[in-house]
């Protein structure tokens, strides 16, 4: 099973790139963040069914998830149990598969020196933590998306992962580590690439920064510990340079999908 996650910063503007990815990779599930589809519901992607698309509510651009036609997916197993405030942010989709729960999320950026945005991120961290921990009591979880945190020094080209700025705040690290620990999640890219220095975000999508590999890793596929043995690939598609964030690809072969 192939899953793609991408902060597209406007899905309509990325449709050509999405078409290329579909043709080249034949992905089963596509999770998009910051789709920016204000005034409409789901943009059509040929060969895929849009599911749980969230309209842009003005702040964060919304998320949407697409399933390949023919992929086994039990409609009757779906239910809406996302906490009201999390749902209202427009930053989360949840899909229940037979053997795991998929969460497509965009963690709101904690703008430095902006109290409102910092409070939103702090509440997001708190509510997402409790919700994800609760989901893991039901089934294993795959959490993907732009989580807006540089977790380790190796995830920053300049070797700094903690400072007083959005994506780096010490409290963001405490919250993230608590989520990882209590939900028993694994950073799949770092597990498979312990010394990897691929980055998913490049400031202003600068060609100069990309050529010099001066980026940051802020996008993730976090998987429940019990799923990790089935993960064959977790990669950052750094050759896709259409916007500031590069897509992520996860290949997981749980026996049912072999």
Protein backbone atom coordinates (compact mmCIF):
# COMPACT_ATOMS: atom_id res chain seq x y z
CA UNK A 1 0.00 0.00 0.00
CA UNK A 2 1.40 3.38 -1.00
CA UNK A 3 0.48 6.56 0.86
CA UNK A 4 1.45 10.08 -0.17
CA UNK A 5 1.44 13.12 2.11
CA UNK A 6 1.99 16.65 0.81
CA UNK A 7 1.49 20.22 1.96
CA UNK A 8 0.49 21.46 -1.49
CA UNK A 9 -0.18 25.11 -0.54
CA UNK A 10 -3.12 25.19 -2.96
CA UNK A 11 -4.24 21.90 -4.50
CA UNK A 12 -5.59 23.38 -7.71
CA UNK A 13 -2.19 24.93 -8.44
CA UNK A 14 -0.50 21.53 -7.96
CA UNK A 15 -2.74 19.39 -10.14
CA UNK A 16 -0.11 18.93 -12.85
CA UNK A 17 2.38 17.71 -10.25
CA UNK A 18 -0.26 15.48 -8.64
CA UNK A 19 -0.97 13.92 -12.05
CA UNK A 20 2.74 13.19 -12.50
CA UNK A 21 2.97 11.57 -9.08
CA UNK A 22 -0.09 9.44 -9.73
CA UNK A 23 1.32 8.25 -13.06
CA UNK A 24 4.79 7.54 -11.67
CA UNK A 25 3.99 6.08 -8.26
CA UNK A 26 0.47 4.63 -8.50
CA UNK A 27 -0.30 5.68 -4.94
CA UNK A 28 -3.32 4.27 -3.12
CA UNK A 29 -4.01 7.15 -0.72
CA UNK A 30 -3.11 10.83 -1.05
CA UNK A 31 -3.19 13.12 1.97
CA UNK A 32 -3.00 16.82 1.18
CA UNK A 33 -2.58 19.74 3.56
CA UNK A 34 -3.27 23.44 2.94
CA UNK A 35 -5.48 22.59 0.00
CA UNK A 36 -6.95 26.12 -0.06
CA UNK A 37 -10.27 25.23 -1.71
CA UNK A 38 -12.30 28.08 -0.24
CA UNK A 39 -15.78 28.29 -1.71
CA UNK A 40 -15.81 24.70 -3.02
CA UNK A 41 -15.73 21.21 -1.56
CA UNK A 42 -13.41 18.71 -3.23
CA UNK A 43 -11.28 19.19 -6.32
CA UNK A 44 -11.66 16.15 -8.57
CA UNK A 45 -8.59 13.94 -9.07
CA UNK A 46 -9.07 11.41 -11.90
CA UNK A 47 -8.93 7.83 -10.64
CA UNK A 48 -9.51 8.82 -7.02
CA UNK A 49 -12.38 9.40 -4.65
CA UNK A 50 -12.14 12.48 -2.48
CA UNK A 51 -12.94 11.75 1.12
CA UNK A 52 -13.60 14.06 4.03
CA UNK A 53 -12.40 17.17 2.27
CA UNK A 54 -12.33 20.19 4.54
CA UNK A 55 -13.10 23.63 3.18
CA UNK A 56 -10.70 26.47 3.92
CA UNK A 57 -11.97 28.27 7.01
CA UNK A 58 -9.62 31.22 6.50
CA UNK A 59 -6.65 30.38 8.72
CA UNK A 60 -4.93 27.16 7.71
CA UNK A 61 -6.14 26.12 4.26
CA UNK A 62 -7.82 22.82 5.14
CA UNK A 63 -6.88 19.22 4.41
CA UNK A 64 -8.31 16.57 2.10
CA UNK A 65 -7.71 12.88 1.45
CA UNK A 66 -8.09 10.88 -1.77
CA UNK A 67 -8.52 7.12 -2.18
CA UNK A 68 -7.67 5.21 -5.34
CA UNK A 69 -10.73 3.75 -7.05
CA UNK A 70 -10.82 0.03 -6.27
CA UNK A 71 -8.95 0.30 -2.95
CA UNK A 72 -10.70 -1.75 -0.27
CA UNK A 73 -12.36 0.74 2.07
CA UNK A 74 -15.32 0.09 4.35
CA UNK A 75 -17.63 3.10 4.28
CA UNK A 76 -19.71 1.71 7.12
CA UNK A 77 -16.67 1.62 9.43
CA UNK A 78 -16.25 5.40 9.25
CA UNK A 79 -17.52 7.59 12.04
CA UNK A 80 -17.15 11.16 13.17
CA UNK A 81 -15.50 11.18 16.57
CA UNK A 82 -13.06 14.06 16.04
CA UNK A 83 -13.29 16.53 18.94
CA UNK A 84 -15.28 19.60 17.94
CA UNK A 85 -12.47 22.15 18.25
CA UNK A 86 -10.02 20.01 16.24
CA UNK A 87 -12.65 19.55 13.56
CA UNK A 88 -13.34 23.28 13.39
CA UNK A 89 -9.69 24.06 12.62
CA UNK A 90 -10.12 22.26 9.28
CA UNK A 91 -6.74 20.63 9.86
CA UNK A 92 -7.60 16.95 10.31
CA UNK A 93 -9.08 13.98 8.43
CA UNK A 94 -9.49 10.52 9.94
CA UNK A 95 -10.06 7.34 7.90
CA UNK A 96 -10.54 3.88 9.34
CA UNK A 97 -9.07 0.96 7.42
CA UNK A 98 -9.32 -2.69 8.44
CA UNK A 99 -5.98 -2.80 10.23
CA UNK A 100 -5.12 0.80 11.04
CA UNK A 101 -6.48 4.31 11.39
CA UNK A 102 -5.07 7.00 9.09
CA UNK A 103 -4.88 10.58 10.33
CA UNK A 104 -4.09 13.35 7.83
CA UNK A 105 -3.18 16.49 9.76
CA UNK A 106 -1.74 19.97 9.45
CA UNK A 107 -0.36 21.30 12.73
CA UNK A 108 -0.99 25.07 12.84
CA UNK A 109 2.23 27.07 12.70
CA UNK A 110 3.10 28.83 15.97
CA UNK A 111 4.04 32.21 14.55
CA UNK A 112 6.83 33.72 16.58
CA UNK A 113 5.64 36.70 18.68
CA UNK A 114 2.00 36.09 17.69
CA UNK A 115 0.13 35.17 20.87
CA UNK A 116 -3.04 34.10 19.05
CA UNK A 117 -1.25 31.60 16.82
CA UNK A 118 0.86 30.27 19.68
CA UNK A 119 -2.27 29.66 21.76
CA UNK A 120 -3.93 27.89 18.83
CA UNK A 121 -0.91 25.61 18.42
CA UNK A 122 -0.74 24.87 22.13
CA UNK A 123 -4.40 23.90 22.22
CA UNK A 124 -3.96 21.86 19.02
CA UNK A 125 -1.06 19.94 20.58
CA UNK A 126 -3.07 19.25 23.73
CA UNK A 127 -6.23 18.08 21.96
CA UNK A 128 -4.44 16.13 19.22
CA UNK A 129 -2.37 14.31 21.84
CA UNK A 130 -5.43 13.04 23.72
CA UNK A 131 -7.29 12.18 20.52
CA UNK A 132 -4.42 10.20 18.95
CA UNK A 133 -3.71 8.35 22.19
CA UNK A 134 -7.38 7.41 22.27
CA UNK A 135 -7.29 6.17 18.67
CA UNK A 136 -4.31 3.92 19.39
CA UNK A 137 -6.46 2.08 21.93
CA UNK A 138 -8.75 1.10 19.04
CA UNK A 139 -6.25 0.23 16.29
CA UNK A 140 -2.69 1.04 15.20
CA UNK A 141 -2.37 4.56 13.80
CA UNK A 142 -0.59 6.23 10.89
CA UNK A 143 -0.34 9.99 11.45
CA UNK A 144 0.93 11.99 8.49
CA UNK A 145 1.21 15.59 7.42
CA UNK A 146 2.99 18.87 7.87
CA UNK A 147 3.42 18.83 11.66
CA UNK A 148 5.46 22.05 11.76
CA UNK A 149 8.22 20.89 14.06
CA UNK A 150 11.93 20.28 13.56
CA UNK A 151 12.36 17.28 15.85
CA UNK A 152 16.12 16.69 15.99
CA UNK A 153 19.23 18.68 15.15
CA UNK A 154 19.80 16.41 12.15
CA UNK A 155 16.43 17.58 10.81
CA UNK A 156 17.77 21.11 10.28
CA UNK A 157 20.47 21.95 7.76
CA UNK A 158 22.10 24.27 10.30
CA UNK A 159 21.99 21.68 13.09
CA UNK A 160 19.61 23.62 15.38
CA UNK A 161 16.27 22.09 16.33
CA UNK A 162 15.48 24.06 19.50
CA UNK A 163 15.15 27.85 19.69
CA UNK A 164 12.50 30.43 20.48
CA UNK A 165 10.67 30.32 17.17
CA UNK A 166 7.80 28.45 15.53
CA UNK A 167 8.72 24.81 14.74
CA UNK A 168 11.52 25.01 17.30
CA UNK A 169 9.97 26.11 20.62
CA UNK A 170 11.01 23.94 23.58
CA UNK A 171 7.34 23.44 24.50
CA UNK A 172 6.65 22.14 20.98
CA UNK A 173 9.35 19.53 21.52
CA UNK A 174 7.91 18.52 24.88
CA UNK A 175 4.45 18.13 23.37
CA UNK A 176 5.74 16.15 20.39
CA UNK A 177 7.84 13.83 22.54
CA UNK A 178 4.87 13.23 24.82
CA UNK A 179 2.71 12.30 21.83
CA UNK A 180 5.33 9.94 20.42
CA UNK A 181 5.86 8.29 23.78
CA UNK A 182 2.29 7.93 24.99
CA UNK A 183 0.84 6.96 21.60
CA UNK A 184 3.77 4.60 20.93
CA UNK A 185 4.51 6.14 17.53
CA UNK A 186 7.66 5.86 15.41
CA UNK A 187 9.12 8.45 13.05
CA UNK A 188 9.27 6.12 10.05
CA UNK A 189 11.74 8.17 8.00
CA UNK A 190 14.23 8.50 10.85
CA UNK A 191 13.86 4.81 11.75
CA UNK A 192 14.78 3.75 8.22
CA UNK A 193 17.30 6.55 7.62
CA UNK A 194 19.05 7.18 10.97
CA UNK A 195 21.64 9.41 9.33
CA UNK A 196 19.42 10.79 6.57
CA UNK A 197 19.63 14.47 5.74
CA UNK A 198 16.73 14.80 3.36
CA UNK A 199 14.55 17.81 4.12
CA UNK A 200 10.91 18.45 3.32
CA UNK A 201 10.75 22.25 3.58
CA UNK A 202 12.81 24.94 1.85
CA UNK A 203 12.21 28.59 2.68
CA UNK A 204 10.33 30.39 -0.12
CA UNK A 205 11.10 27.35 -2.30
CA UNK A 206 14.42 28.99 -3.11
CA UNK A 207 16.37 27.13 -5.82
CA UNK A 208 19.56 28.26 -4.09
CA UNK A 209 18.51 26.64 -0.81
CA UNK A 210 17.37 23.47 -2.54
CA UNK A 211 20.62 23.08 -4.47
CA UNK A 212 22.60 23.56 -1.26
CA UNK A 213 20.22 21.23 0.65
CA UNK A 214 19.58 24.01 3.16
CA UNK A 215 16.17 22.88 4.38
CA UNK A 216 14.28 21.50 7.34
CA UNK A 217 12.27 18.36 8.01
CA UNK A 218 8.82 19.33 9.29
CA UNK A 219 6.63 16.73 7.49
CA UNK A 220 6.22 13.22 8.86
CA UNK A 221 4.77 9.76 8.62
CA UNK A 222 4.45 8.61 12.23
CA UNK A 223 3.35 4.99 12.57
CA UNK A 224 2.39 2.82 15.51
CA UNK A 225 5.27 0.69 16.73
CA UNK A 226 3.50 -2.53 15.75
CA UNK A 227 3.19 -1.35 12.12
CA UNK A 228 6.84 -0.46 11.67
CA UNK A 229 7.96 -4.02 10.68
CA UNK A 230 5.63 -3.74 7.67
CA UNK A 231 7.04 -0.41 6.45
CA UNK A 232 9.18 -1.00 3.37
CA UNK A 233 9.85 2.60 2.44
CA UNK A 234 9.55 6.06 3.96
CA UNK A 235 10.97 8.77 1.75
CA UNK A 236 10.95 12.50 1.09
CA UNK A 237 10.50 13.14 -2.62
CA UNK A 238 12.99 15.98 -2.85
CA UNK A 239 12.90 15.96 -6.64
CA UNK A 240 9.36 17.39 -6.47
CA UNK A 241 10.04 21.12 -6.19
CA UNK A 242 6.70 22.69 -7.11
CA UNK A 243 6.28 24.44 -3.74
CA UNK A 244 8.08 24.97 -0.43
CA UNK A 245 7.26 21.47 0.86
CA UNK A 246 8.22 18.25 -0.89
CA UNK A 247 5.87 15.24 -0.73
CA UNK A 248 6.42 12.18 1.45
CA UNK A 249 5.92 8.58 0.35
CA UNK A 250 5.21 5.65 2.67
CA UNK A 251 5.06 2.06 1.43
CA UNK A 252 3.58 -0.34 3.94
CA UNK A 253 2.74 -3.97 3.29
CA UNK A 254 0.49 -5.23 6.04
CA UNK A 255 -0.37 -8.84 5.10
CA UNK A 256 -3.91 -7.98 3.95
CA UNK A 257 -2.50 -5.63 1.30
CA UNK A 258 0.32 -7.89 0.04
